[in-house]
Protein backbone atom coordinates (compact mmCIF):
# COMPACT_ATOMS: atom_id res chain seq x y z
CA MET A 1 74.28 -18.88 12.27
CA SER A 2 76.34 -18.31 9.07
CA ALA A 3 74.97 -18.78 6.18
CA PRO A 4 75.77 -21.89 3.99
CA GLY A 5 79.17 -20.96 2.04
CA LEU A 6 79.93 -17.71 3.68
CA PRO A 7 83.42 -18.91 4.93
CA ASP A 8 84.16 -20.18 1.48
CA LEU A 9 82.88 -16.57 0.28
CA ARG A 10 84.83 -14.99 2.79
CA LEU A 11 88.38 -16.64 1.89
CA ARG A 12 87.54 -16.06 -1.75
CA ALA A 13 87.15 -12.25 -0.97
CA ILE A 14 90.60 -12.52 1.27
CA GLU A 15 92.43 -14.57 -1.81
CA LEU A 16 91.11 -12.46 -4.91
CA ASN A 17 92.18 -9.24 -2.29
CA ALA A 18 95.48 -10.63 -1.37
CA ARG A 19 96.48 -11.47 -4.86
CA ARG A 20 95.23 -7.77 -5.95
CA LEU A 21 97.71 -6.34 -3.24
CA ALA A 22 100.57 -8.59 -4.77
CA ASP A 23 100.38 -7.34 -8.54
CA ALA A 24 100.00 -3.62 -6.97
CA VAL A 25 102.73 -3.64 -4.28
CA LEU A 26 105.57 -6.01 -5.97
CA ALA A 27 104.48 -5.86 -9.83
CA GLY A 28 105.09 -9.91 -9.96
CA ARG A 29 108.10 -9.57 -8.41
CA ALA A 30 108.59 -11.57 -5.07
CA ARG A 31 111.54 -10.25 -3.69
CA ALA A 32 114.86 -9.11 -4.45
CA ARG A 33 117.56 -10.94 -6.46
CA ARG A 34 119.96 -12.28 -4.30
CA LEU A 35 123.87 -12.24 -4.94
CA GLY A 36 126.14 -15.53 -3.85
CA ALA A 37 128.51 -18.01 -5.20
CA GLY A 38 125.62 -19.16 -8.37
CA THR A 39 126.39 -20.08 -11.84
CA ASP A 40 125.00 -16.68 -13.45
CA PHE A 41 127.85 -14.00 -13.48
CA GLU A 42 126.89 -10.55 -12.08
CA GLU A 43 129.94 -8.28 -12.08
CA VAL A 44 133.88 -8.03 -11.39
CA ARG A 45 134.47 -5.93 -8.29
CA ALA A 46 137.83 -5.16 -5.76
CA TYR A 47 138.74 -8.56 -3.58
CA ALA A 48 137.50 -7.81 -0.28
CA PRO A 49 138.61 -10.06 2.90
CA GLY A 50 136.27 -13.20 3.09
CA ASP A 51 136.17 -13.61 -0.66
CA GLU A 52 137.07 -16.79 -1.91
CA VAL A 53 140.40 -17.29 -3.73
CA ARG A 54 138.70 -19.30 -6.73
CA HIS A 55 136.39 -16.00 -7.17
CA ILE A 56 139.78 -14.18 -8.30
CA ASP A 57 139.65 -12.81 -12.19
CA TRP A 58 143.30 -13.03 -13.09
CA ASN A 59 143.01 -11.18 -16.10
CA ALA A 60 141.05 -8.36 -14.26
CA THR A 61 143.61 -8.53 -11.43
CA ALA A 62 146.48 -7.87 -14.25
CA ARG A 63 144.82 -5.07 -15.84
CA ALA A 64 143.72 -3.52 -12.43
CA ASP A 65 147.47 -3.93 -10.72
CA ALA A 66 145.08 -5.08 -7.93
CA PRO A 67 143.01 -8.19 -6.83
CA MET A 68 139.65 -8.54 -8.39
CA VAL A 69 137.14 -11.09 -7.93
CA ARG A 70 134.04 -12.20 -10.13
CA ARG A 71 130.90 -11.92 -8.29
CA PHE A 72 127.63 -14.42 -9.25
CA ARG A 73 123.91 -14.21 -8.94
CA GLN A 74 122.63 -16.64 -6.85
CA GLU A 75 119.15 -18.20 -8.14
CA ARG A 76 118.33 -20.95 -5.50
CA GLU A 77 115.15 -21.50 -4.30
CA MET A 78 114.32 -19.52 -1.13
CA PRO A 79 111.80 -20.50 1.68
CA LEU A 80 109.21 -18.08 2.84
CA VAL A 81 107.76 -18.67 5.93
CA LEU A 82 104.95 -16.68 7.36
CA ALA A 83 105.01 -16.19 11.91
CA VAL A 84 101.52 -15.41 11.85
CA ASP A 85 99.48 -13.63 15.08
CA VAL A 86 96.27 -15.28 15.58
CA SER A 87 96.02 -14.07 19.13
CA ALA A 88 92.29 -12.24 20.32
CA SER A 89 93.38 -8.67 19.85
CA GLY A 90 93.58 -9.22 16.18
CA ASP A 91 90.11 -8.96 16.26
CA PHE A 92 89.93 -5.86 17.16
CA GLY A 93 89.24 -2.58 15.26
CA SER A 94 88.20 0.76 15.34
CA ALA A 95 87.55 0.49 11.74
CA ARG A 96 88.46 -3.14 10.54
CA ALA A 97 89.53 -5.91 12.13
CA ARG A 98 93.22 -6.58 12.38
CA ARG A 99 93.10 -10.56 11.49
CA GLU A 100 91.38 -9.56 7.88
CA ARG A 101 94.40 -7.33 7.30
CA ILE A 102 97.16 -9.75 8.53
CA ALA A 103 95.51 -12.47 6.32
CA GLU A 104 95.42 -10.47 3.17
CA LEU A 105 99.51 -9.59 3.96
CA ALA A 106 100.16 -13.32 4.55
CA GLY A 107 98.56 -13.96 1.17
CA LEU A 108 100.51 -11.18 -0.20
CA LEU A 109 103.56 -12.35 0.49
CA ALA A 110 102.69 -16.10 -0.17
CA PHE A 111 101.53 -15.52 -3.94
CA SER A 112 104.92 -13.58 -4.42
CA ALA A 113 106.65 -16.44 -3.42
CA VAL A 114 104.81 -19.21 -5.22
CA ASP A 115 104.72 -16.94 -8.39
CA VAL A 116 108.74 -17.74 -8.59
CA ASP A 117 108.27 -21.26 -7.56
CA ASP A 118 109.38 -20.68 -4.00
CA PRO A 119 107.57 -23.06 -1.03
CA VAL A 120 105.72 -21.37 1.77
CA GLY A 121 105.19 -22.24 5.24
CA LEU A 122 103.24 -21.11 7.96
CA LEU A 123 103.59 -20.84 12.06
CA LEU A 124 100.51 -19.65 14.26
CA PHE A 125 100.41 -18.19 17.54
CA ASP A 126 99.36 -16.39 19.98
CA ALA A 127 100.68 -17.61 23.50
CA GLN A 128 101.48 -20.39 22.12
CA VAL A 129 102.36 -22.24 18.66
CA ARG A 130 98.62 -23.20 17.27
CA ALA A 131 99.46 -24.46 13.94
CA TRP A 132 101.97 -25.53 11.83
CA LEU A 133 102.25 -25.91 7.87
CA PRO A 134 105.44 -27.15 6.66
CA PRO A 135 106.78 -25.07 3.30
CA ARG A 136 105.38 -26.46 0.32
CA LYS A 137 104.96 -25.47 -3.02
CA GLY A 138 102.38 -24.54 -5.26
CA ARG A 139 99.18 -22.21 -5.42
CA ALA A 140 96.94 -24.65 -3.26
CA GLN A 141 99.70 -23.68 -0.64
CA VAL A 142 98.29 -20.27 -0.66
CA SER A 143 94.59 -21.30 0.48
CA ARG A 144 95.98 -23.36 3.04
CA VAL A 145 98.01 -20.36 4.75
CA LEU A 146 94.53 -18.09 4.49
CA ARG A 147 92.26 -20.75 5.75
CA ALA A 148 94.76 -21.77 8.80
CA VAL A 149 94.81 -17.74 9.30
CA LEU A 150 91.03 -17.28 9.08
CA GLY A 151 89.86 -20.37 10.97
CA GLN A 152 91.82 -20.24 13.57
CA PRO A 153 90.29 -19.52 16.59
CA ALA A 154 90.98 -16.34 18.77
CA ARG A 155 92.08 -17.85 22.08
CA GLY A 156 94.75 -17.24 24.89
CA THR A 157 95.82 -15.11 27.37
CA HIS A 158 98.27 -13.15 25.53
CA THR A 159 100.74 -12.89 22.81
CA ASP A 160 104.24 -14.52 22.59
CA VAL A 161 106.53 -13.25 20.19
CA ALA A 162 109.45 -14.46 21.38
CA GLY A 163 108.46 -17.67 21.91
CA ALA A 164 107.03 -18.01 18.71
CA LEU A 165 110.20 -17.00 16.84
CA GLY A 166 112.45 -19.65 18.97
CA ALA A 167 109.82 -22.39 18.00
CA LEU A 168 110.12 -21.06 13.98
CA GLU A 169 114.00 -21.43 14.87
CA ARG A 170 113.95 -25.27 16.37
CA ARG A 171 111.48 -26.28 13.03
CA VAL A 172 112.98 -24.20 10.43
CA ARG A 173 116.87 -24.90 9.67
CA ARG A 174 116.73 -23.87 6.43
CA PRO A 175 118.16 -20.40 5.70
CA SER A 176 114.46 -18.71 4.45
CA MET A 177 112.83 -15.56 4.53
CA VAL A 178 110.62 -14.93 7.63
CA ALA A 179 107.64 -12.43 7.94
CA LEU A 180 105.91 -11.72 10.86
CA LEU A 181 102.84 -10.51 11.07
CA SER A 182 101.53 -9.12 14.10
CA ASP A 183 100.26 -6.45 16.12
CA LEU A 184 103.24 -6.99 18.24
CA GLN A 185 101.04 -6.59 21.65
CA THR A 186 103.49 -8.59 23.45
CA ASP A 187 106.38 -8.55 26.21
CA LEU A 188 109.16 -6.73 24.87
CA GLU A 189 111.47 -8.13 27.25
CA PRO A 190 112.70 -11.14 25.39
CA LEU A 191 112.28 -9.81 21.75
CA LYS A 192 115.54 -8.33 21.48
CA ARG A 193 117.30 -11.51 21.56
CA ALA A 194 114.82 -13.63 19.46
CA LEU A 195 114.71 -11.42 16.95
CA LEU A 196 119.06 -11.62 16.96
CA ARG A 197 118.31 -15.18 16.98
CA VAL A 198 116.13 -15.56 14.05
CA GLY A 199 117.52 -12.90 12.13
CA ARG A 200 121.42 -14.36 12.34
CA ARG A 201 120.09 -17.33 10.25
CA HIS A 202 117.27 -15.76 7.94
CA ASP A 203 116.05 -12.76 6.25
CA LEU A 204 113.62 -11.96 8.65
CA PHE A 205 111.42 -8.85 8.75
CA ALA A 206 108.28 -7.82 10.62
CA LEU A 207 104.71 -6.26 9.17
CA GLN A 208 102.95 -4.82 12.19
CA VAL A 209 99.35 -4.17 11.96
CA THR A 210 98.10 -1.47 13.96
CA ASP A 211 95.14 0.35 14.72
CA PRO A 212 94.44 4.42 15.61
CA THR A 213 93.29 2.98 18.92
CA ASP A 214 96.89 2.18 19.56
CA ALA A 215 98.36 5.84 19.77
CA ALA A 216 95.58 7.85 21.06
CA LEU A 217 92.06 7.37 22.21
CA PRO A 218 89.14 8.96 20.87
CA ASN A 219 87.43 11.61 23.01
CA VAL A 220 84.07 9.54 23.42
CA GLY A 221 83.15 9.97 27.18
CA ARG A 222 83.21 7.68 29.74
CA VAL A 223 83.94 3.76 28.27
CA ALA A 224 84.55 0.57 29.48
CA LEU A 225 87.90 -1.26 27.78
CA GLU A 226 88.02 -4.48 27.62
CA ASP A 227 91.42 -5.99 26.71
CA PRO A 228 90.40 -9.28 24.46
CA GLU A 229 93.18 -11.42 25.73
CA SER A 230 93.00 -11.25 29.38
CA GLY A 231 89.44 -10.32 29.47
CA ARG A 232 90.18 -7.22 31.97
CA VAL A 233 87.84 -4.49 31.67
CA VAL A 234 89.08 -0.79 33.07
CA GLU A 235 86.27 2.38 32.78
CA LEU A 236 88.20 5.51 31.49
CA ASP A 237 86.62 9.05 31.07
CA THR A 238 88.23 9.68 27.48
CA GLY A 239 86.42 13.31 28.12
CA ARG A 240 89.57 14.11 30.34
CA ARG A 241 91.86 15.74 28.39
CA ARG A 242 94.45 14.31 31.20
CA VAL A 243 93.44 10.72 30.34
CA ARG A 244 93.95 10.95 26.79
CA GLU A 245 97.34 12.79 27.28
CA ALA A 246 98.69 9.82 29.88
CA TYR A 247 97.28 7.56 27.69
CA ALA A 248 99.17 8.94 24.56
CA ARG A 249 102.31 9.21 26.43
CA ALA A 250 102.39 5.95 27.48
CA ALA A 251 101.67 4.33 24.14
CA ALA A 252 104.39 6.77 22.48
CA ALA A 253 106.83 5.18 24.94
CA ARG A 254 106.28 1.91 24.09
CA ALA A 255 106.47 2.61 20.62
CA ASP A 256 109.70 4.15 21.25
CA ALA A 257 110.66 0.82 22.92
CA LEU A 258 109.49 -1.59 20.20
CA ASP A 259 111.15 0.68 17.60
CA ARG A 260 114.75 0.33 19.78
CA ARG A 261 114.38 -3.00 20.20
CA PHE A 262 113.88 -3.81 16.21
CA ARG A 263 116.63 -1.33 15.28
CA GLU A 264 119.71 -2.83 17.51
CA ALA A 265 118.61 -6.29 16.11
CA GLY A 266 118.59 -4.95 12.70
CA VAL A 267 115.29 -6.13 11.76
CA ASP A 268 112.83 -4.02 9.40
CA ARG A 269 109.73 -3.50 10.84
CA VAL A 270 107.00 -1.72 8.94
CA PRO A 271 103.92 -0.23 10.85
CA LEU A 272 100.08 -0.91 8.78
CA ASP A 273 97.03 0.50 9.68
CA ALA A 274 94.75 -2.10 9.64
CA ALA A 275 92.00 0.02 7.65
CA ALA A 276 94.25 1.78 5.32
CA ASP A 277 96.16 1.41 1.83
CA PRO A 278 99.16 -0.83 2.43
CA VAL A 279 99.94 -0.37 -1.10
CA PRO A 280 102.37 2.87 -1.16
CA THR A 281 103.94 1.65 2.15
CA LEU A 282 105.03 -1.38 1.07
CA ARG A 283 105.48 -0.72 -2.41
CA THR A 284 108.08 1.55 -0.63
CA PHE A 285 109.49 -1.17 1.76
CA PHE A 286 109.66 -3.92 -0.97
CA ALA A 287 111.45 -1.47 -3.53
CA ARG A 288 114.09 -0.34 -0.41
CA ARG A 289 114.74 -4.01 0.23
CA ALA A 290 115.41 -5.24 -3.59
CA ALA A 291 117.73 -2.46 -4.11
């Protein structure tokens, strides 16, 4: 039995680490400023098909002897919706459980949104949707998100990312930033279509929390491996090189198939080792998005 107050101490530790990560990764900036039909002038540029006639700058057009338009900076509110995988595979980790890293990443992103007064929502899923928190503003929402992620019991026989994205699409009608946090141990067949659908309406990206054993088996002799979601047990002799090589080939083939689906859907995917420092990778990723 856990000591009294231990869950709150764990929550506080995760929350503090998420705040630290947010400060280290984003340096107080939640996201790139978006360009659109706002009121804050940005620049004058050449007219392009699809630009609104009312944005033509006639003085600049006369000087350039070519159609020129004014572009404005859009500062409207942008909700953040976190789609978080809480399946049983998240409780596994050769060095650290994926669930804790996923919770920290959820907190990092939630802090980055509330810092600029954007609302944050949460959808928890495994084989089905387990919880839904509609987008809300404020620091208290970060704590609600972390409590939900850490407090959700691991259950279900598989992870259905495509189904979760479909459920999110039905719930979130307003264009939003959508962050998928998962190990992506899911059926790949319907994944591309789901990514395309959600990516058409929302600014979608995925942070994939991985473990070294996803790609390669360590040489530790004969072991019994249990799938945490299905409960199926398989005995393998990891001391045999052929066994390790076959596992690595299958893992590489699956990784290639996953990468191809995200690439063809035009959705960013960032692999992050659950036990490694995520700051350098995330800093590069968000700087590229900001650019």
